[in-house]
Amino acid sequence: MGTIGSPGFELLHAQNAFYQLVGPYINGYAFGDTDGLVRIVEKVQKEGRRIPDLQAAYPGVTFNSKSEWGSANTNLSDGMNELISMVKEKKDDIKRQRIKRGMEEKFSKLPSKELPNR
């Protein structure tokens, strides 16, 4: 990963900052429509089966060996399966928690926009 100024370090901390800043808004919106969320995760999962050449996209960043990418991608897909199952099983609980925490009121009025078909 390196230290301050090295690409790996900077990318990791940029990702963490992004999650902290926008995570509550993305999750607040996404979990308002659990059926839509499941469809999006399934689409991401399907499109993620092909692993892009990350080394070409991020030159100068050290990655795990390409021989490890397949198993890491399988683990990611398995995690998405768990998320899909959890959202489907706990749909009613999620709704109740959102109402209790005020998330339903805060995010339910946002307009819904479908993802473009590819």
PDB file of N, CA and C in Angstrom:
ATOM      1  N   MET A   1       0.829  -1.186   0.000  1.00  0.00           N
ATOM      2  CA  MET A   1       0.000   0.000   0.000  1.00  0.00           C
ATOM      3  C   MET A   1       0.875   1.251   0.000  1.00  0.00           C
ATOM      4  N   GLY A   2       1.989   1.202   0.673  1.00  0.00           N
ATOM      5  CA  GLY A   2       2.857   2.366   0.690  1.00  0.00           C
ATOM      6  C   GLY A   2       2.482   3.364   1.767  1.00  0.00           C
ATOM      7  N   THR A   3       2.955   4.579   1.593  1.00  0.00           N
ATOM      8  CA  THR A   3       2.717   5.638   2.564  1.00  0.00           C
ATOM      9  C   THR A   3       2.096   6.845   1.862  1.00  0.00           C
ATOM     10  N   ILE A   4       1.904   7.921   2.606  1.00  0.00           N
ATOM     11  CA  ILE A   4       1.311   9.135   2.052  1.00  0.00           C
ATOM     12  C   ILE A   4       2.022   9.505   0.754  1.00  0.00           C
ATOM     13  N   GLY A   5       1.225   9.736  -0.275  1.00  0.00           N
ATOM     14  CA  GLY A   5       1.756  10.090  -1.587  1.00  0.00           C
ATOM     15  C   GLY A   5       1.851   8.926  -2.544  1.00  0.00           C
ATOM     16  N   SER A   6       1.911   7.702  -2.032  1.00  0.00           N
ATOM     17  CA  SER A   6       1.978   6.560  -2.946  1.00  0.00           C
ATOM     18  C   SER A   6       0.568   6.219  -3.416  1.00  0.00           C
ATOM     19  N   PRO A   7       0.428   5.795  -4.670  1.00  0.00           N
ATOM     20  CA  PRO A   7      -0.908   5.583  -5.240  1.00  0.00           C
ATOM     21  C   PRO A   7      -1.794   4.634  -4.431  1.00  0.00           C
ATOM     22  N   GLY A   8      -1.258   3.516  -3.961  1.00  0.00           N
ATOM     23  CA  GLY A   8      -2.072   2.571  -3.201  1.00  0.00           C
ATOM     24  C   GLY A   8      -2.642   3.184  -1.937  1.00  0.00           C
ATOM     25  N   PHE A   9      -1.818   3.892  -1.220  1.00  0.00           N
ATOM     26  CA  PHE A   9      -2.239   4.570   0.013  1.00  0.00           C
ATOM     27  C   PHE A   9      -3.316   5.601  -0.290  1.00  0.00           C
ATOM     28  N   GLU A  10      -3.063   6.419  -1.299  1.00  0.00           N
ATOM     29  CA  GLU A  10      -3.999   7.492  -1.630  1.00  0.00           C
ATOM     30  C   GLU A  10      -5.338   6.944  -2.114  1.00  0.00           C
ATOM     31  N   LEU A  11      -5.315   5.883  -2.933  1.00  0.00           N
ATOM     32  CA  LEU A  11      -6.569   5.290  -3.419  1.00  0.00           C
ATOM     33  C   LEU A  11      -7.380   4.702  -2.268  1.00  0.00           C
ATOM     34  N   LEU A  12      -6.718   4.011  -1.350  1.00  0.00           N
ATOM     35  CA  LEU A  12      -7.419   3.418  -0.213  1.00  0.00           C
ATOM     36  C   LEU A  12      -8.090   4.499   0.632  1.00  0.00           C
ATOM     37  N   HIS A  13      -7.369   5.558   0.914  1.00  0.00           N
ATOM     38  CA  HIS A  13      -7.935   6.608   1.760  1.00  0.00           C
ATOM     39  C   HIS A  13      -8.976   7.443   1.021  1.00  0.00           C
ATOM     40  N   ALA A  14      -8.836   7.590  -0.274  1.00  0.00           N
ATOM     41  CA  ALA A  14      -9.878   8.268  -1.049  1.00  0.00           C
ATOM     42  C   ALA A  14     -11.169   7.457  -1.015  1.00  0.00           C
ATOM     43  N   GLN A  15     -11.044   6.135  -1.146  1.00  0.00           N
ATOM     44  CA  GLN A  15     -12.214   5.252  -1.085  1.00  0.00           C
ATOM     45  C   GLN A  15     -12.876   5.352   0.288  1.00  0.00           C
ATOM     46  N   ASN A  16     -12.087   5.311   1.346  1.00  0.00           N
ATOM     47  CA  ASN A  16     -12.651   5.406   2.697  1.00  0.00           C
ATOM     48  C   ASN A  16     -13.365   6.742   2.912  1.00  0.00           C
ATOM     49  N   ALA A  17     -12.781   7.823   2.437  1.00  0.00           N
ATOM     50  CA  ALA A  17     -13.408   9.139   2.572  1.00  0.00           C
ATOM     51  C   ALA A  17     -14.725   9.189   1.787  1.00  0.00           C
ATOM     52  N   PHE A  18     -14.717   8.607   0.597  1.00  0.00           N
ATOM     53  CA  PHE A  18     -15.935   8.560  -0.218  1.00  0.00           C
ATOM     54  C   PHE A  18     -17.044   7.829   0.536  1.00  0.00           C
ATOM     55  N   TYR A  19     -16.728   6.658   1.096  1.00  0.00           N
ATOM     56  CA  TYR A  19     -17.732   5.893   1.842  1.00  0.00           C
ATOM     57  C   TYR A  19     -18.274   6.692   3.024  1.00  0.00           C
ATOM     58  N   GLN A  20     -17.389   7.381   3.751  1.00  0.00           N
ATOM     59  CA  GLN A  20     -17.835   8.147   4.912  1.00  0.00           C
ATOM     60  C   GLN A  20     -18.744   9.304   4.514  1.00  0.00           C
ATOM     61  N   LEU A  21     -18.422   9.955   3.414  1.00  0.00           N
ATOM     62  CA  LEU A  21     -19.185  11.133   3.004  1.00  0.00           C
ATOM     63  C   LEU A  21     -20.519  10.797   2.347  1.00  0.00           C
ATOM     64  N   VAL A  22     -20.523   9.838   1.449  1.00  0.00           N
ATOM     65  CA  VAL A  22     -21.747   9.580   0.686  1.00  0.00           C
ATOM     66  C   VAL A  22     -22.446   8.274   1.053  1.00  0.00           C
ATOM     67  N   GLY A  23     -21.790   7.417   1.817  1.00  0.00           N
ATOM     68  CA  GLY A  23     -22.387   6.132   2.194  1.00  0.00           C
ATOM     69  C   GLY A  23     -23.768   6.257   2.805  1.00  0.00           C
ATOM     70  N   PRO A  24     -23.946   7.150   3.794  1.00  0.00           N
ATOM     71  CA  PRO A  24     -25.282   7.274   4.396  1.00  0.00           C
ATOM     72  C   PRO A  24     -26.358   7.685   3.384  1.00  0.00           C
ATOM     73  N   TYR A  25     -25.997   8.510   2.406  1.00  0.00           N
ATOM     74  CA  TYR A  25     -26.970   8.954   1.408  1.00  0.00           C
ATOM     75  C   TYR A  25     -27.269   7.846   0.401  1.00  0.00           C
ATOM     76  N   ILE A  26     -26.222   7.165  -0.069  1.00  0.00           N
ATOM     77  CA  ILE A  26     -26.429   6.071  -1.021  1.00  0.00           C
ATOM     78  C   ILE A  26     -27.250   4.972  -0.362  1.00  0.00           C
ATOM     79  N   ASN A  27     -26.862   4.566   0.829  1.00  0.00           N
ATOM     80  CA  ASN A  27     -27.602   3.506   1.520  1.00  0.00           C
ATOM     81  C   ASN A  27     -29.006   3.961   1.893  1.00  0.00           C
ATOM     82  N   GLY A  28     -29.137   5.221   2.305  1.00  0.00           N
ATOM     83  CA  GLY A  28     -30.457   5.740   2.660  1.00  0.00           C
ATOM     84  C   GLY A  28     -31.421   5.682   1.493  1.00  0.00           C
ATOM     85  N   TYR A  29     -30.911   5.961   0.318  1.00  0.00           N
ATOM     86  CA  TYR A  29     -31.741   5.913  -0.879  1.00  0.00           C
ATOM     87  C   TYR A  29     -31.939   4.474  -1.355  1.00  0.00           C
ATOM     88  N   ALA A  30     -30.856   3.704  -1.432  1.00  0.00           N
ATOM     89  CA  ALA A  30     -30.904   2.354  -2.001  1.00  0.00           C
ATOM     90  C   ALA A  30     -31.804   1.414  -1.206  1.00  0.00           C
ATOM     91  N   PHE A  31     -31.742   1.485   0.112  1.00  0.00           N
ATOM     92  CA  PHE A  31     -32.513   0.547   0.912  1.00  0.00           C
ATOM     93  C   PHE A  31     -33.978   0.950   1.057  1.00  0.00           C
ATOM     94  N   GLY A  32     -34.369   2.063   0.449  1.00  0.00           N
ATOM     95  CA  GLY A  32     -35.775   2.454   0.427  1.00  0.00           C
ATOM     96  C   GLY A  32     -36.585   1.622  -0.547  1.00  0.00           C
ATOM     97  N   ASP A  33     -35.917   1.039  -1.519  1.00  0.00           N
ATOM     98  CA  ASP A  33     -36.560   0.173  -2.511  1.00  0.00           C
ATOM     99  C   ASP A  33     -35.754  -1.125  -2.557  1.00  0.00           C
ATOM    100  N   THR A  34     -36.050  -2.017  -1.642  1.00  0.00           N
ATOM    101  CA  THR A  34     -35.245  -3.236  -1.532  1.00  0.00           C
ATOM    102  C   THR A  34     -35.341  -4.112  -2.779  1.00  0.00           C
ATOM    103  N   ASP A  35     -36.491  -4.132  -3.430  1.00  0.00           N
ATOM    104  CA  ASP A  35     -36.606  -4.920  -4.662  1.00  0.00           C
ATOM    105  C   ASP A  35     -35.702  -4.334  -5.750  1.00  0.00           C
ATOM    106  N   GLY A  36     -35.689  -3.009  -5.850  1.00  0.00           N
ATOM    107  CA  GLY A  36     -34.815  -2.349  -6.813  1.00  0.00           C
ATOM    108  C   GLY A  36     -33.355  -2.561  -6.469  1.00  0.00           C
ATOM    109  N   LEU A  37     -33.039  -2.524  -5.176  1.00  0.00           N
ATOM    110  CA  LEU A  37     -31.667  -2.756  -4.737  1.00  0.00           C
ATOM    111  C   LEU A  37     -31.200  -4.149  -5.142  1.00  0.00           C
ATOM    112  N   VAL A  38     -32.050  -5.141  -4.954  1.00  0.00           N
ATOM    113  CA  VAL A  38     -31.695  -6.514  -5.336  1.00  0.00           C
ATOM    114  C   VAL A  38     -31.413  -6.582  -6.839  1.00  0.00           C
ATOM    115  N   ARG A  39     -32.257  -5.934  -7.648  1.00  0.00           N
ATOM    116  CA  ARG A  39     -32.034  -5.943  -9.103  1.00  0.00           C
ATOM    117  C   ARG A  39     -30.696  -5.295  -9.465  1.00  0.00           C
ATOM    118  N   ILE A  40     -30.350  -4.207  -8.797  1.00  0.00           N
ATOM    119  CA  ILE A  40     -29.091  -3.520  -9.085  1.00  0.00           C
ATOM    120  C   ILE A  40     -27.903  -4.383  -8.674  1.00  0.00           C
ATOM    121  N   VAL A  41     -27.961  -4.982  -7.484  1.00  0.00           N
ATOM    122  CA  VAL A  41     -26.851  -5.834  -7.043  1.00  0.00           C
ATOM    123  C   VAL A  41     -26.696  -7.020  -7.986  1.00  0.00           C
ATOM    124  N   GLU A  42     -27.798  -7.605  -8.427  1.00  0.00           N
ATOM    125  CA  GLU A  42     -27.719  -8.722  -9.373  1.00  0.00           C
ATOM    126  C   GLU A  42     -27.089  -8.275 -10.693  1.00  0.00           C
ATOM    127  N   LYS A  43     -27.411  -7.066 -11.147  1.00  0.00           N
ATOM    128  CA  LYS A  43     -26.832  -6.545 -12.387  1.00  0.00           C
ATOM    129  C   LYS A  43     -25.334  -6.299 -12.224  1.00  0.00           C
ATOM    130  N   VAL A  44     -24.958  -5.701 -11.103  1.00  0.00           N
ATOM    131  CA  VAL A  44     -23.537  -5.466 -10.826  1.00  0.00           C
ATOM    132  C   VAL A  44     -22.795  -6.799 -10.751  1.00  0.00           C
ATOM    133  N   GLN A  45     -23.401  -7.761 -10.099  1.00  0.00           N
ATOM    134  CA  GLN A  45     -22.803  -9.087  -9.961  1.00  0.00           C
ATOM    135  C   GLN A  45     -22.599  -9.730 -11.338  1.00  0.00           C
ATOM    136  N   LYS A  46     -23.598  -9.628 -12.194  1.00  0.00           N
ATOM    137  CA  LYS A  46     -23.497 -10.209 -13.535  1.00  0.00           C
ATOM    138  C   LYS A  46     -22.394  -9.525 -14.345  1.00  0.00           C
ATOM    139  N   GLU A  47     -22.375  -8.195 -14.307  1.00  0.00           N
ATOM    140  CA  GLU A  47     -21.366  -7.457 -15.071  1.00  0.00           C
ATOM    141  C   GLU A  47     -19.971  -7.634 -14.491  1.00  0.00           C
ATOM    142  N   GLY A  48     -19.888  -7.954 -13.197  1.00  0.00           N
ATOM    143  CA  GLY A  48     -18.601  -8.133 -12.541  1.00  0.00           C
ATOM    144  C   GLY A  48     -17.954  -9.475 -12.780  1.00  0.00           C
ATOM    145  N   ARG A  49     -18.619 -10.350 -13.494  1.00  0.00           N
ATOM    146  CA  ARG A  49     -18.024 -11.667 -13.759  1.00  0.00           C
ATOM    147  C   ARG A  49     -16.777 -11.552 -14.637  1.00  0.00           C
ATOM    148  N   ARG A  50     -16.768 -10.520 -15.490  1.00  0.00           N
ATOM    149  CA  ARG A  50     -15.585 -10.272 -16.329  1.00  0.00           C
ATOM    150  C   ARG A  50     -14.698  -9.301 -15.574  1.00  0.00           C
ATOM    151  N   ILE A  51     -13.496  -9.733 -15.302  1.00  0.00           N
ATOM    152  CA  ILE A  51     -12.581  -8.907 -14.511  1.00  0.00           C
ATOM    153  C   ILE A  51     -11.805  -7.990 -15.452  1.00  0.00           C
ATOM    154  N   PRO A  52     -11.917  -6.679 -15.269  1.00  0.00           N
ATOM    155  CA  PRO A  52     -11.171  -5.752 -16.130  1.00  0.00           C
ATOM    156  C   PRO A  52      -9.684  -5.783 -15.792  1.00  0.00           C
ATOM    157  N   ASP A  53      -8.880  -5.277 -16.694  1.00  0.00           N
ATOM    158  CA  ASP A  53      -7.443  -5.203 -16.458  1.00  0.00           C
ATOM    159  C   ASP A  53      -7.172  -3.975 -15.590  1.00  0.00           C
ATOM    160  N   LEU A  54      -7.205  -4.184 -14.285  1.00  0.00           N
ATOM    161  CA  LEU A  54      -7.026  -3.079 -13.352  1.00  0.00           C
ATOM    162  C   LEU A  54      -5.634  -2.462 -13.437  1.00  0.00           C
ATOM    163  N   GLN A  55      -4.660  -3.274 -13.802  1.00  0.00           N
ATOM    164  CA  GLN A  55      -3.300  -2.750 -13.907  1.00  0.00           C
ATOM    165  C   GLN A  55      -3.190  -1.727 -15.037  1.00  0.00           C
ATOM    166  N   ALA A  56      -3.963  -1.924 -16.098  1.00  0.00           N
ATOM    167  CA  ALA A  56      -3.960  -0.948 -17.195  1.00  0.00           C
ATOM    168  C   ALA A  56      -4.686   0.338 -16.775  1.00  0.00           C
ATOM    169  N   ALA A  57      -5.734   0.184 -15.972  1.00  0.00           N
ATOM    170  CA  ALA A  57      -6.503   1.349 -15.531  1.00  0.00           C
ATOM    171  C   ALA A  57      -5.756   2.156 -14.471  1.00  0.00           C
ATOM    172  N   TYR A  58      -4.955   1.475 -13.672  1.00  0.00           N
ATOM    173  CA  TYR A  58      -4.234   2.135 -12.579  1.00  0.00           C
ATOM    174  C   TYR A  58      -2.742   1.800 -12.658  1.00  0.00           C
ATOM    175  N   PRO A  59      -2.054   2.359 -13.645  1.00  0.00           N
ATOM    176  CA  PRO A  59      -0.623   2.071 -13.759  1.00  0.00           C
ATOM    177  C   PRO A  59       0.124   2.622 -12.540  1.00  0.00           C
ATOM    178  N   GLY A  60       1.126   1.895 -12.134  1.00  0.00           N
ATOM    179  CA  GLY A  60       1.916   2.334 -10.993  1.00  0.00           C
ATOM    180  C   GLY A  60       1.381   1.864  -9.655  1.00  0.00           C
ATOM    181  N   VAL A  61       0.205   1.237  -9.643  1.00  0.00           N
ATOM    182  CA  VAL A  61      -0.358   0.696  -8.414  1.00  0.00           C
ATOM    183  C   VAL A  61      -0.046  -0.792  -8.378  1.00  0.00           C
ATOM    184  N   THR A  62       0.417  -1.271  -7.244  1.00  0.00           N
ATOM    185  CA  THR A  62       0.741  -2.690  -7.098  1.00  0.00           C
ATOM    186  C   THR A  62      -0.518  -3.449  -6.701  1.00  0.00           C
ATOM    187  N   PHE A  63      -0.811  -4.490  -7.443  1.00  0.00           N
ATOM    188  CA  PHE A  63      -1.980  -5.325  -7.182  1.00  0.00           C
ATOM    189  C   PHE A  63      -1.536  -6.715  -6.759  1.00  0.00           C
ATOM    190  N   ASN A  64      -2.485  -7.463  -6.207  1.00  0.00           N
ATOM    191  CA  ASN A  64      -2.231  -8.884  -5.993  1.00  0.00           C
ATOM    192  C   ASN A  64      -1.973  -9.521  -7.354  1.00  0.00           C
ATOM    193  N   SER A  65      -1.349 -10.654  -7.347  1.00  0.00           N
ATOM    194  CA  SER A  65      -1.069 -11.380  -8.580  1.00  0.00           C
ATOM    195  C   SER A  65      -2.376 -11.648  -9.331  1.00  0.00           C
ATOM    196  N   LYS A  66      -2.318 -11.536 -10.659  1.00  0.00           N
ATOM    197  CA  LYS A  66      -3.520 -11.792 -11.468  1.00  0.00           C
ATOM    198  C   LYS A  66      -4.065 -13.190 -11.232  1.00  0.00           C
ATOM    199  N   SER A  67      -3.218 -14.122 -10.835  1.00  0.00           N
ATOM    200  CA  SER A  67      -3.687 -15.490 -10.569  1.00  0.00           C
ATOM    201  C   SER A  67      -4.637 -15.535  -9.367  1.00  0.00           C
ATOM    202  N   GLU A  68      -4.615 -14.502  -8.519  1.00  0.00           N
ATOM    203  CA  GLU A  68      -5.494 -14.441  -7.350  1.00  0.00           C
ATOM    204  C   GLU A  68      -6.808 -13.725  -7.642  1.00  0.00           C
ATOM    205  N   TRP A  69      -6.883 -13.028  -8.764  1.00  0.00           N
ATOM    206  CA  TRP A  69      -8.057 -12.212  -9.058  1.00  0.00           C
ATOM    207  C   TRP A  69      -9.330 -13.049  -9.178  1.00  0.00           C
ATOM    208  N   GLY A  70      -9.237 -14.212  -9.803  1.00  0.00           N
ATOM    209  CA  GLY A  70     -10.430 -15.050 -10.001  1.00  0.00           C
ATOM    210  C   GLY A  70     -11.067 -15.455  -8.686  1.00  0.00           C
ATOM    211  N   SER A  71     -10.256 -15.931  -7.744  1.00  0.00           N
ATOM    212  CA  SER A  71     -10.815 -16.370  -6.463  1.00  0.00           C
ATOM    213  C   SER A  71     -11.342 -15.178  -5.665  1.00  0.00           C
ATOM    214  N   ALA A  72     -10.661 -14.033  -5.754  1.00  0.00           N
ATOM    215  CA  ALA A  72     -11.152 -12.835  -5.060  1.00  0.00           C
ATOM    216  C   ALA A  72     -12.494 -12.402  -5.652  1.00  0.00           C
ATOM    217  N   ASN A  73     -12.628 -12.493  -6.968  1.00  0.00           N
ATOM    218  CA  ASN A  73     -13.882 -12.114  -7.618  1.00  0.00           C
ATOM    219  C   ASN A  73     -15.003 -13.083  -7.238  1.00  0.00           C
ATOM    220  N   THR A  74     -14.672 -14.364  -7.117  1.00  0.00           N
ATOM    221  CA  THR A  74     -15.661 -15.353  -6.674  1.00  0.00           C
ATOM    222  C   THR A  74     -16.122 -15.045  -5.263  1.00  0.00           C
ATOM    223  N   ASN A  75     -15.185 -14.684  -4.375  1.00  0.00           N
ATOM    224  CA  ASN A  75     -15.549 -14.320  -3.001  1.00  0.00           C
ATOM    225  C   ASN A  75     -16.448 -13.091  -2.980  1.00  0.00           C
ATOM    226  N   LEU A  76     -16.154 -12.125  -3.829  1.00  0.00           N
ATOM    227  CA  LEU A  76     -16.992 -10.926  -3.924  1.00  0.00           C
ATOM    228  C   LEU A  76     -18.401 -11.298  -4.388  1.00  0.00           C
ATOM    229  N   SER A  77     -18.488 -12.145  -5.389  1.00  0.00           N
ATOM    230  CA  SER A  77     -19.791 -12.584  -5.898  1.00  0.00           C
ATOM    231  C   SER A  77     -20.568 -13.333  -4.818  1.00  0.00           C
ATOM    232  N   ASP A  78     -19.866 -14.176  -4.055  1.00  0.00           N
ATOM    233  CA  ASP A  78     -20.520 -14.891  -2.960  1.00  0.00           C
ATOM    234  C   ASP A  78     -21.061 -13.913  -1.917  1.00  0.00           C
ATOM    235  N   GLY A  79     -20.288 -12.858  -1.633  1.00  0.00           N
ATOM    236  CA  GLY A  79     -20.752 -11.841  -0.698  1.00  0.00           C
ATOM    237  C   GLY A  79     -21.995 -11.122  -1.208  1.00  0.00           C
ATOM    238  N   MET A  80     -22.028 -10.891  -2.533  1.00  0.00           N
ATOM    239  CA  MET A  80     -23.219 -10.266  -3.118  1.00  0.00           C
ATOM    240  C   MET A  80     -24.423 -11.189  -2.995  1.00  0.00           C
ATOM    241  N   ASN A  81     -24.208 -12.499  -3.148  1.00  0.00           N
ATOM    242  CA  ASN A  81     -25.304 -13.457  -2.955  1.00  0.00           C
ATOM    243  C   ASN A  81     -25.845 -13.366  -1.533  1.00  0.00           C
ATOM    244  N   GLU A  82     -24.945 -13.234  -0.571  1.00  0.00           N
ATOM    245  CA  GLU A  82     -25.367 -13.106   0.824  1.00  0.00           C
ATOM    246  C   GLU A  82     -26.154 -11.821   1.040  1.00  0.00           C
ATOM    247  N   LEU A  83     -25.698 -10.728   0.445  1.00  0.00           N
ATOM    248  CA  LEU A  83     -26.418  -9.456   0.558  1.00  0.00           C
ATOM    249  C   LEU A  83     -27.812  -9.579  -0.044  1.00  0.00           C
ATOM    250  N   ILE A  84     -27.905 -10.176  -1.226  1.00  0.00           N
ATOM    251  CA  ILE A  84     -29.199 -10.353  -1.888  1.00  0.00           C
ATOM    252  C   ILE A  84     -30.141 -11.164  -1.005  1.00  0.00           C
ATOM    253  N   SER A  85     -29.640 -12.275  -0.465  1.00  0.00           N
ATOM    254  CA  SER A  85     -30.469 -13.125   0.402  1.00  0.00           C
ATOM    255  C   SER A  85     -30.915 -12.373   1.645  1.00  0.00           C
ATOM    256  N   MET A  86     -29.986 -11.636   2.262  1.00  0.00           N
ATOM    257  CA  MET A  86     -30.304 -10.899   3.482  1.00  0.00           C
ATOM    258  C   MET A  86     -31.370  -9.834   3.207  1.00  0.00           C
ATOM    259  N   VAL A  87     -31.219  -9.098   2.114  1.00  0.00           N
ATOM    260  CA  VAL A  87     -32.188  -8.044   1.796  1.00  0.00           C
ATOM    261  C   VAL A  87     -33.563  -8.659   1.549  1.00  0.00           C
ATOM    262  N   LYS A  88     -33.605  -9.770   0.828  1.00  0.00           N
ATOM    263  CA  LYS A  88     -34.902 -10.422   0.565  1.00  0.00           C
ATOM    264  C   LYS A  88     -35.534 -10.944   1.855  1.00  0.00           C
ATOM    265  N   GLU A  89     -34.723 -11.568   2.714  1.00  0.00           N
ATOM    266  CA  GLU A  89     -35.243 -12.168   3.948  1.00  0.00           C
ATOM    267  C   GLU A  89     -35.657 -11.116   4.976  1.00  0.00           C
ATOM    268  N   LYS A  90     -34.954 -10.007   5.032  1.00  0.00           N
ATOM    269  CA  LYS A  90     -35.175  -9.020   6.083  1.00  0.00           C
ATOM    270  C   LYS A  90     -35.841  -7.742   5.568  1.00  0.00           C
ATOM    271  N   LYS A  91     -36.517  -7.865   4.454  1.00  0.00           N
ATOM    272  CA  LYS A  91     -37.159  -6.717   3.821  1.00  0.00           C
ATOM    273  C   LYS A  91     -38.051  -5.946   4.805  1.00  0.00           C
ATOM    274  N   ASP A  92     -38.883  -6.652   5.533  1.00  0.00           N
ATOM    275  CA  ASP A  92     -39.803  -5.999   6.482  1.00  0.00           C
ATOM    276  C   ASP A  92     -39.043  -5.370   7.644  1.00  0.00           C
ATOM    277  N   ASP A  93     -38.010  -6.051   8.136  1.00  0.00           N
ATOM    278  CA  ASP A  93     -37.191  -5.500   9.224  1.00  0.00           C
ATOM    279  C   ASP A  93     -36.474  -4.230   8.776  1.00  0.00           C
ATOM    280  N   ILE A  94     -35.960  -4.247   7.567  1.00  0.00           N
ATOM    281  CA  ILE A  94     -35.274  -3.074   7.022  1.00  0.00           C
ATOM    282  C   ILE A  94     -36.231  -1.888   6.981  1.00  0.00           C
ATOM    283  N   LYS A  95     -37.436  -2.126   6.517  1.00  0.00           N
ATOM    284  CA  LYS A  95     -38.453  -1.060   6.434  1.00  0.00           C
ATOM    285  C   LYS A  95     -38.755  -0.496   7.827  1.00  0.00           C
ATOM    286  N   ARG A  96     -38.955  -1.384   8.800  1.00  0.00           N
ATOM    287  CA  ARG A  96     -39.244  -0.941  10.169  1.00  0.00           C
ATOM    288  C   ARG A  96     -38.084  -0.114  10.742  1.00  0.00           C
ATOM    289  N   GLN A  97     -36.861  -0.559  10.527  1.00  0.00           N
ATOM    290  CA  GLN A  97     -35.692   0.170  11.040  1.00  0.00           C
ATOM    291  C   GLN A  97     -35.564   1.538  10.373  1.00  0.00           C
ATOM    292  N   ARG A  98     -35.850   1.586   9.079  1.00  0.00           N
ATOM    293  CA  ARG A  98     -35.778   2.867   8.356  1.00  0.00           C
ATOM    294  C   ARG A  98     -36.800   3.852   8.912  1.00  0.00           C
ATOM    295  N   ILE A  99     -37.988   3.386   9.198  1.00  0.00           N
ATOM    296  CA  ILE A  99     -39.032   4.248   9.762  1.00  0.00           C
ATOM    297  C   ILE A  99     -38.612   4.725  11.148  1.00  0.00           C
ATOM    298  N   LYS A 100     -38.124   3.818  11.960  1.00  0.00           N
ATOM    299  CA  LYS A 100     -37.710   4.138  13.325  1.00  0.00           C
ATOM    300  C   LYS A 100     -36.581   5.171  13.338  1.00  0.00           C
ATOM    301  N   ARG A 101     -35.654   5.083  12.427  1.00  0.00           N
ATOM    302  CA  ARG A 101     -34.490   5.982  12.390  1.00  0.00           C
ATOM    303  C   ARG A 101     -34.724   7.268  11.589  1.00  0.00           C
ATOM    304  N   GLY A 102     -35.914   7.386  11.004  1.00  0.00           N
ATOM    305  CA  GLY A 102     -36.222   8.586  10.234  1.00  0.00           C
ATOM    306  C   GLY A 102     -35.696   8.558   8.811  1.00  0.00           C
ATOM    307  N   MET A 103     -35.106   7.451   8.393  1.00  0.00           N
ATOM    308  CA  MET A 103     -34.543   7.342   7.048  1.00  0.00           C
ATOM    309  C   MET A 103     -35.643   7.271   5.991  1.00  0.00           C
ATOM    310  N   GLU A 104     -36.728   6.623   6.323  1.00  0.00           N
ATOM    311  CA  GLU A 104     -37.828   6.479   5.360  1.00  0.00           C
ATOM    312  C   GLU A 104     -38.382   7.849   4.993  1.00  0.00           C
ATOM    313  N   GLU A 105     -38.611   8.675   5.997  1.00  0.00           N
ATOM    314  CA  GLU A 105     -39.141  10.016   5.742  1.00  0.00           C
ATOM    315  C   GLU A 105     -38.136  10.866   4.968  1.00  0.00           C
ATOM    316  N   LYS A 106     -36.869  10.752   5.331  1.00  0.00           N
ATOM    317  CA  LYS A 106     -35.826  11.573   4.713  1.00  0.00           C
ATOM    318  C   LYS A 106     -35.601  11.236   3.248  1.00  0.00           C
ATOM    319  N   PHE A 107     -35.651   9.940   2.905  1.00  0.00           N
ATOM    320  CA  PHE A 107     -35.282   9.524   1.554  1.00  0.00           C
ATOM    321  C   PHE A 107     -36.437   9.046   0.685  1.00  0.00           C
ATOM    322  N   SER A 108     -37.625   8.888   1.224  1.00  0.00           N
ATOM    323  CA  SER A 108     -38.732   8.333   0.436  1.00  0.00           C
ATOM    324  C   SER A 108     -39.266   9.306  -0.613  1.00  0.00           C
ATOM    325  N   LYS A 109     -38.994  10.582  -0.474  1.00  0.00           N
ATOM    326  CA  LYS A 109     -39.518  11.566  -1.419  1.00  0.00           C
ATOM    327  C   LYS A 109     -38.610  11.798  -2.618  1.00  0.00           C
ATOM    328  N   LEU A 110     -37.456  11.165  -2.632  1.00  0.00           N
ATOM    329  CA  LEU A 110     -36.540  11.341  -3.759  1.00  0.00           C
ATOM    330  C   LEU A 110     -37.098  10.657  -4.995  1.00  0.00           C
ATOM    331  N   PRO A 111     -36.945  11.273  -6.164  1.00  0.00           N
ATOM    332  CA  PRO A 111     -37.441  10.632  -7.383  1.00  0.00           C
ATOM    333  C   PRO A 111     -36.616   9.382  -7.692  1.00  0.00           C
ATOM    334  N   SER A 112     -37.259   8.398  -8.225  1.00  0.00           N
ATOM    335  CA  SER A 112     -36.583   7.157  -8.592  1.00  0.00           C
ATOM    336  C   SER A 112     -36.180   7.218 -10.053  1.00  0.00           C
ATOM    337  N   LYS A 113     -34.967   6.789 -10.330  1.00  0.00           N
ATOM    338  CA  LYS A 113     -34.488   6.782 -11.708  1.00  0.00           C
ATOM    339  C   LYS A 113     -33.913   5.403 -12.014  1.00  0.00           C
ATOM    340  N   GLU A 114     -34.418   4.816 -13.066  1.00  0.00           N
ATOM    341  CA  GLU A 114     -33.929   3.509 -13.489  1.00  0.00           C
ATOM    342  C   GLU A 114     -32.538   3.638 -14.105  1.00  0.00           C
ATOM    343  N   LEU A 115     -31.752   2.610 -13.929  1.00  0.00           N
ATOM    344  CA  LEU A 115     -30.445   2.570 -14.592  1.00  0.00           C
ATOM    345  C   LEU A 115     -30.651   2.329 -16.077  1.00  0.00           C
ATOM    346  N   PRO A 116     -29.808   2.889 -16.918  1.00  0.00           N
ATOM    347  CA  PRO A 116     -29.954   2.638 -18.358  1.00  0.00           C
ATOM    348  C   PRO A 116     -29.648   1.176 -18.681  1.00  0.00           C
ATOM    349  N   ASN A 117     -30.351   0.649 -19.659  1.00  0.00           N
ATOM    350  CA  ASN A 117     -30.079  -0.719 -20.118  1.00  0.00           C
ATOM    351  C   ASN A 117     -28.822  -0.734 -20.956  1.00  0.00           C
ATOM    352  N   ARG A 118     -28.071  -1.786 -20.820  1.00  0.00           N
ATOM    353  CA  ARG A 118     -26.844  -1.916 -21.624  1.00  0.00           C
ATOM    354  C   ARG A 118     -26.980  -3.086 -22.552  1.00  0.00           C
TER     355      ARG A 118
END
